[in-house]
């Protein structure tokens, strides 16, 4: 019985974990690059410099503020759904999440040195990242995860070979 439960949990956990790891590793990387490009615009660079100089309590407010900015997008999604426009509702949620994630990731990069001066924040961040790393370690040790990674590697190698064959002609 225990073996079957483990197998069911693997089947349920691996896709969710894969989506989370994909989101963190790939999407956050490219969102970070996009936000860094936007930050080169002088008005944005001035705002970022100002944010970096905030005291810890104000930095915390600036870090949490984007969460409230997503509320109108979520309300719009509910309105779209109530109108039967589910594609628009889904698009609003996805758009809001991507923009909020990009903004929060950029703010985190800018405000983290200031936020770390708050001892409770340092403890919470350390606990959160330690927990995340343990969960990732567990998921990456699952046979289903390892099999998925092997399939992805083989597919990448096959595609690279295919592309190099096409471009060499």
C-alpha atoms as a PDB file:
ATOM      1  CA  UNK A   1       0.000   0.000   0.000  1.00  0.00           C
ATOM      2  CA  UNK A   2       2.794   2.387   0.913  1.00  0.00           C
ATOM      3  CA  UNK A   3       4.456   1.793  -2.444  1.00  0.00           C
ATOM      4  CA  UNK A   4       1.275   2.646  -4.347  1.00  0.00           C
ATOM      5  CA  UNK A   5       0.813   5.827  -2.346  1.00  0.00           C
ATOM      6  CA  UNK A   6       4.392   6.865  -3.123  1.00  0.00           C
ATOM      7  CA  UNK A   7       3.819   6.248  -6.839  1.00  0.00           C
ATOM      8  CA  UNK A   8       0.593   8.283  -6.830  1.00  0.00           C
ATOM      9  CA  UNK A   9       2.333  11.135  -5.011  1.00  0.00           C
ATOM     10  CA  UNK A  10       5.169  11.053  -7.545  1.00  0.00           C
ATOM     11  CA  UNK A  11       2.734  11.227 -10.433  1.00  0.00           C
ATOM     12  CA  UNK A  12       0.946  14.156  -8.799  1.00  0.00           C
ATOM     13  CA  UNK A  13       4.003  15.993  -7.481  1.00  0.00           C
ATOM     14  CA  UNK A  14       6.376  15.830 -10.426  1.00  0.00           C
ATOM     15  CA  UNK A  15       4.264  17.861 -12.886  1.00  0.00           C
ATOM     16  CA  UNK A  16       3.564  20.516 -10.254  1.00  0.00           C
ATOM     17  CA  UNK A  17       7.222  20.621  -9.208  1.00  0.00           C
ATOM     18  CA  UNK A  18       8.316  20.738 -12.841  1.00  0.00           C
ATOM     19  CA  UNK A  19       6.049  23.717 -13.461  1.00  0.00           C
ATOM     20  CA  UNK A  20       7.420  25.522 -10.403  1.00  0.00           C
ATOM     21  CA  UNK A  21      11.040  24.803 -11.293  1.00  0.00           C
ATOM     22  CA  UNK A  22      10.367  25.856 -14.902  1.00  0.00           C
ATOM     23  CA  UNK A  23       8.775  29.050 -13.669  1.00  0.00           C
ATOM     24  CA  UNK A  24      11.656  29.867 -11.356  1.00  0.00           C
ATOM     25  CA  UNK A  25      14.516  28.801 -13.580  1.00  0.00           C
ATOM     26  CA  UNK A  26      13.342  29.971 -16.981  1.00  0.00           C
ATOM     27  CA  UNK A  27      10.614  32.548 -16.684  1.00  0.00           C
ATOM     28  CA  UNK A  28      12.216  34.474 -13.827  1.00  0.00           C
ATOM     29  CA  UNK A  29      15.518  34.502 -15.714  1.00  0.00           C
ATOM     30  CA  UNK A  30      13.989  36.087 -18.809  1.00  0.00           C
ATOM     31  CA  UNK A  31      11.756  38.410 -16.818  1.00  0.00           C
ATOM     32  CA  UNK A  32      14.875  39.533 -14.940  1.00  0.00           C
ATOM     33  CA  UNK A  33      16.666  40.273 -18.203  1.00  0.00           C
ATOM     34  CA  UNK A  34      13.665  42.233 -19.482  1.00  0.00           C
ATOM     35  CA  UNK A  35      13.354  44.215 -16.268  1.00  0.00           C
ATOM     36  CA  UNK A  36      17.108  44.951 -16.265  1.00  0.00           C
ATOM     37  CA  UNK A  37      16.736  46.315 -19.799  1.00  0.00           C
ATOM     38  CA  UNK A  38      13.832  48.515 -18.682  1.00  0.00           C
ATOM     39  CA  UNK A  39      15.912  49.654 -15.686  1.00  0.00           C
ATOM     40  CA  UNK A  40      18.485  51.169 -18.052  1.00  0.00           C
ATOM     41  CA  UNK A  41      15.947  53.833 -18.984  1.00  0.00           C
ATOM     42  CA  UNK A  42      17.065  56.920 -16.968  1.00  0.00           C
ATOM     43  CA  UNK A  43      13.746  57.671 -15.197  1.00  0.00           C
ATOM     44  CA  UNK A  44      13.480  54.047 -14.035  1.00  0.00           C
ATOM     45  CA  UNK A  45      17.145  54.039 -12.991  1.00  0.00           C
ATOM     46  CA  UNK A  46      16.491  57.123 -10.832  1.00  0.00           C
ATOM     47  CA  UNK A  47      13.485  55.459  -9.180  1.00  0.00           C
ATOM     48  CA  UNK A  48      15.557  52.332  -8.501  1.00  0.00           C
ATOM     49  CA  UNK A  49      18.355  54.424  -6.963  1.00  0.00           C
ATOM     50  CA  UNK A  50      15.798  56.161  -4.760  1.00  0.00           C
ATOM     51  CA  UNK A  51      14.314  52.800  -3.713  1.00  0.00           C
ATOM     52  CA  UNK A  52      17.765  51.459  -2.835  1.00  0.00           C
ATOM     53  CA  UNK A  53      18.232  54.381  -0.443  1.00  0.00           C
ATOM     54  CA  UNK A  54      15.020  53.825   1.521  1.00  0.00           C
ATOM     55  CA  UNK A  55      15.121  52.904   5.208  1.00  0.00           C
ATOM     56  CA  UNK A  56      14.150  49.287   6.005  1.00  0.00           C
ATOM     57  CA  UNK A  57      10.500  49.943   6.947  1.00  0.00           C
ATOM     58  CA  UNK A  58       9.892  51.956   3.767  1.00  0.00           C
ATOM     59  CA  UNK A  59      11.679  49.306   1.683  1.00  0.00           C
ATOM     60  CA  UNK A  60       9.319  46.710   3.146  1.00  0.00           C
ATOM     61  CA  UNK A  61       6.291  48.789   2.133  1.00  0.00           C
ATOM     62  CA  UNK A  62       7.740  49.272  -1.368  1.00  0.00           C
ATOM     63  CA  UNK A  63       8.348  45.535  -1.624  1.00  0.00           C
ATOM     64  CA  UNK A  64       4.797  44.597  -0.575  1.00  0.00           C
ATOM     65  CA  UNK A  65       3.037  47.336  -2.595  1.00  0.00           C
ATOM     66  CA  UNK A  66       2.987  45.498  -5.969  1.00  0.00           C
ATOM     67  CA  UNK A  67       0.758  42.851  -4.400  1.00  0.00           C
ATOM     68  CA  UNK A  68      -1.955  45.484  -4.095  1.00  0.00           C
ATOM     69  CA  UNK A  69      -1.389  46.625  -7.686  1.00  0.00           C
ATOM     70  CA  UNK A  70      -2.490  43.197  -8.945  1.00  0.00           C
ATOM     71  CA  UNK A  71      -5.881  43.474  -7.223  1.00  0.00           C
ATOM     72  CA  UNK A  72      -7.508  45.513 -10.042  1.00  0.00           C
ATOM     73  CA  UNK A  73      -6.277  42.944 -12.577  1.00  0.00           C
ATOM     74  CA  UNK A  74      -7.821  40.137 -10.504  1.00  0.00           C
ATOM     75  CA  UNK A  75     -11.080  42.082 -10.235  1.00  0.00           C
ATOM     76  CA  UNK A  76     -11.062  42.570 -14.015  1.00  0.00           C
ATOM     77  CA  UNK A  77     -10.572  38.816 -14.423  1.00  0.00           C
ATOM     78  CA  UNK A  78     -13.583  38.153 -12.196  1.00  0.00           C
ATOM     79  CA  UNK A  79     -15.635  40.644 -14.199  1.00  0.00           C
ATOM     80  CA  UNK A  80     -14.583  39.006 -17.482  1.00  0.00           C
ATOM     81  CA  UNK A  81     -15.491  35.585 -16.068  1.00  0.00           C
ATOM     82  CA  UNK A  82     -18.901  36.863 -14.939  1.00  0.00           C
ATOM     83  CA  UNK A  83     -19.471  38.087 -18.505  1.00  0.00           C
ATOM     84  CA  UNK A  84     -18.618  34.623 -19.828  1.00  0.00           C
ATOM     85  CA  UNK A  85     -15.353  35.833 -21.370  1.00  0.00           C
ATOM     86  CA  UNK A  86     -13.146  33.131 -19.900  1.00  0.00           C
ATOM     87  CA  UNK A  87     -10.291  33.616 -22.369  1.00  0.00           C
ATOM     88  CA  UNK A  88     -10.043  37.288 -21.382  1.00  0.00           C
ATOM     89  CA  UNK A  89     -10.292  36.336 -17.704  1.00  0.00           C
ATOM     90  CA  UNK A  90      -7.455  33.857 -18.090  1.00  0.00           C
ATOM     91  CA  UNK A  91      -5.379  36.345 -20.095  1.00  0.00           C
ATOM     92  CA  UNK A  92      -5.897  39.004 -17.408  1.00  0.00           C
ATOM     93  CA  UNK A  93      -4.759  36.631 -14.676  1.00  0.00           C
ATOM     94  CA  UNK A  94      -1.704  35.472 -16.638  1.00  0.00           C
ATOM     95  CA  UNK A  95      -0.770  39.035 -17.615  1.00  0.00           C
ATOM     96  CA  UNK A  96      -1.199  40.283 -14.044  1.00  0.00           C
ATOM     97  CA  UNK A  97       0.866  37.437 -12.613  1.00  0.00           C
ATOM     98  CA  UNK A  98       3.701  37.899 -15.115  1.00  0.00           C
ATOM     99  CA  UNK A  99       3.882  41.664 -14.578  1.00  0.00           C
ATOM    100  CA  UNK A 100       3.642  41.331 -10.791  1.00  0.00           C
ATOM    101  CA  UNK A 101       6.277  38.602 -10.741  1.00  0.00           C
ATOM    102  CA  UNK A 102       8.657  40.663 -12.858  1.00  0.00           C
ATOM    103  CA  UNK A 103       8.124  43.724 -10.682  1.00  0.00           C
ATOM    104  CA  UNK A 104       8.501  41.867  -7.386  1.00  0.00           C
ATOM    105  CA  UNK A 105      11.631  40.070  -8.623  1.00  0.00           C
ATOM    106  CA  UNK A 106      13.191  43.393  -9.634  1.00  0.00           C
ATOM    107  CA  UNK A 107      12.189  45.025  -6.345  1.00  0.00           C
ATOM    108  CA  UNK A 108      13.621  42.058  -4.461  1.00  0.00           C
ATOM    109  CA  UNK A 109      16.938  42.512  -6.225  1.00  0.00           C
ATOM    110  CA  UNK A 110      16.994  46.233  -5.433  1.00  0.00           C
ATOM    111  CA  UNK A 111      15.589  46.144  -1.885  1.00  0.00           C
ATOM    112  CA  UNK A 112      17.084  42.903  -0.532  1.00  0.00           C
ATOM    113  CA  UNK A 113      20.220  44.515   0.990  1.00  0.00           C
ATOM    114  CA  UNK A 114      18.007  46.955   2.893  1.00  0.00           C
ATOM    115  CA  UNK A 115      15.427  44.325   3.879  1.00  0.00           C
ATOM    116  CA  UNK A 116      18.166  42.079   5.293  1.00  0.00           C
ATOM    117  CA  UNK A 117      18.794  44.728   7.962  1.00  0.00           C
ATOM    118  CA  UNK A 118      15.460  43.634   9.467  1.00  0.00           C
ATOM    119  CA  UNK A 119      16.393  40.637  11.616  1.00  0.00           C
ATOM    120  CA  UNK A 120      12.967  38.991  11.329  1.00  0.00           C
ATOM    121  CA  UNK A 121      13.120  39.322   7.540  1.00  0.00           C
ATOM    122  CA  UNK A 122      16.538  37.658   7.430  1.00  0.00           C
ATOM    123  CA  UNK A 123      15.238  34.761   9.557  1.00  0.00           C
ATOM    124  CA  UNK A 124      12.114  34.379   7.416  1.00  0.00           C
ATOM    125  CA  UNK A 125      14.060  34.486   4.150  1.00  0.00           C
ATOM    126  CA  UNK A 126      16.607  31.962   5.416  1.00  0.00           C
ATOM    127  CA  UNK A 127      13.837  29.604   6.562  1.00  0.00           C
ATOM    128  CA  UNK A 128      11.916  29.971   3.281  1.00  0.00           C
ATOM    129  CA  UNK A 129      14.902  29.295   1.020  1.00  0.00           C
ATOM    130  CA  UNK A 130      16.043  26.388   3.193  1.00  0.00           C
ATOM    131  CA  UNK A 131      12.554  24.867   2.947  1.00  0.00           C
ATOM    132  CA  UNK A 132      12.478  25.435  -0.821  1.00  0.00           C
ATOM    133  CA  UNK A 133      15.869  23.797  -1.264  1.00  0.00           C
ATOM    134  CA  UNK A 134      14.773  20.734   0.747  1.00  0.00           C
ATOM    135  CA  UNK A 135      11.607  20.384  -1.339  1.00  0.00           C
ATOM    136  CA  UNK A 136      13.580  20.754  -4.579  1.00  0.00           C
ATOM    137  CA  UNK A 137      16.090  18.166  -3.364  1.00  0.00           C
ATOM    138  CA  UNK A 138      13.267  15.732  -2.591  1.00  0.00           C
ATOM    139  CA  UNK A 139      11.610  16.261  -5.959  1.00  0.00           C
ATOM    140  CA  UNK A 140      14.877  16.019  -7.893  1.00  0.00           C
ATOM    141  CA  UNK A 141      15.600  12.672  -6.177  1.00  0.00           C
ATOM    142  CA  UNK A 142      12.333  11.150  -7.407  1.00  0.00           C
ATOM    143  CA  UNK A 143      12.765   8.573 -10.177  1.00  0.00           C
ATOM    144  CA  UNK A 144       9.974  10.193 -12.193  1.00  0.00           C
ATOM    145  CA  UNK A 145      11.793  13.539 -12.052  1.00  0.00           C
ATOM    146  CA  UNK A 146      15.071  11.995 -13.125  1.00  0.00           C
ATOM    147  CA  UNK A 147      13.363  10.184 -16.000  1.00  0.00           C
ATOM    148  CA  UNK A 148      11.738  13.434 -17.118  1.00  0.00           C
ATOM    149  CA  UNK A 149      15.080  15.256 -17.025  1.00  0.00           C
ATOM    150  CA  UNK A 150      16.670  12.468 -19.089  1.00  0.00           C
ATOM    151  CA  UNK A 151      13.918  12.754 -21.721  1.00  0.00           C
ATOM    152  CA  UNK A 152      14.373  16.527 -21.864  1.00  0.00           C
ATOM    153  CA  UNK A 153      18.153  16.171 -22.286  1.00  0.00           C
ATOM    154  CA  UNK A 154      17.721  13.629 -25.078  1.00  0.00           C
ATOM    155  CA  UNK A 155      15.168  15.866 -26.796  1.00  0.00           C
ATOM    156  CA  UNK A 156      17.480  18.891 -26.561  1.00  0.00           C
ATOM    157  CA  UNK A 157      20.374  16.879 -28.002  1.00  0.00           C
ATOM    158  CA  UNK A 158      18.156  15.588 -30.816  1.00  0.00           C
ATOM    159  CA  UNK A 159      16.925  19.109 -31.613  1.00  0.00           C
ATOM    160  CA  UNK A 160      20.469  20.511 -31.542  1.00  0.00           C
ATOM    161  CA  UNK A 161      21.586  17.773 -33.927  1.00  0.00           C
ATOM    162  CA  UNK A 162      18.592  18.430 -36.162  1.00  0.00           C
ATOM    163  CA  UNK A 163      19.238  22.166 -36.260  1.00  0.00           C
ATOM    164  CA  UNK A 164      22.954  21.743 -36.917  1.00  0.00           C
ATOM    165  CA  UNK A 165      22.145  19.338 -39.758  1.00  0.00           C
ATOM    166  CA  UNK A 166      19.726  21.797 -41.319  1.00  0.00           C
ATOM    167  CA  UNK A 167      22.053  24.800 -40.980  1.00  0.00           C
ATOM    168  CA  UNK A 168      25.083  22.974 -42.389  1.00  0.00           C
ATOM    169  CA  UNK A 169      23.343  22.380 -45.746  1.00  0.00           C
END
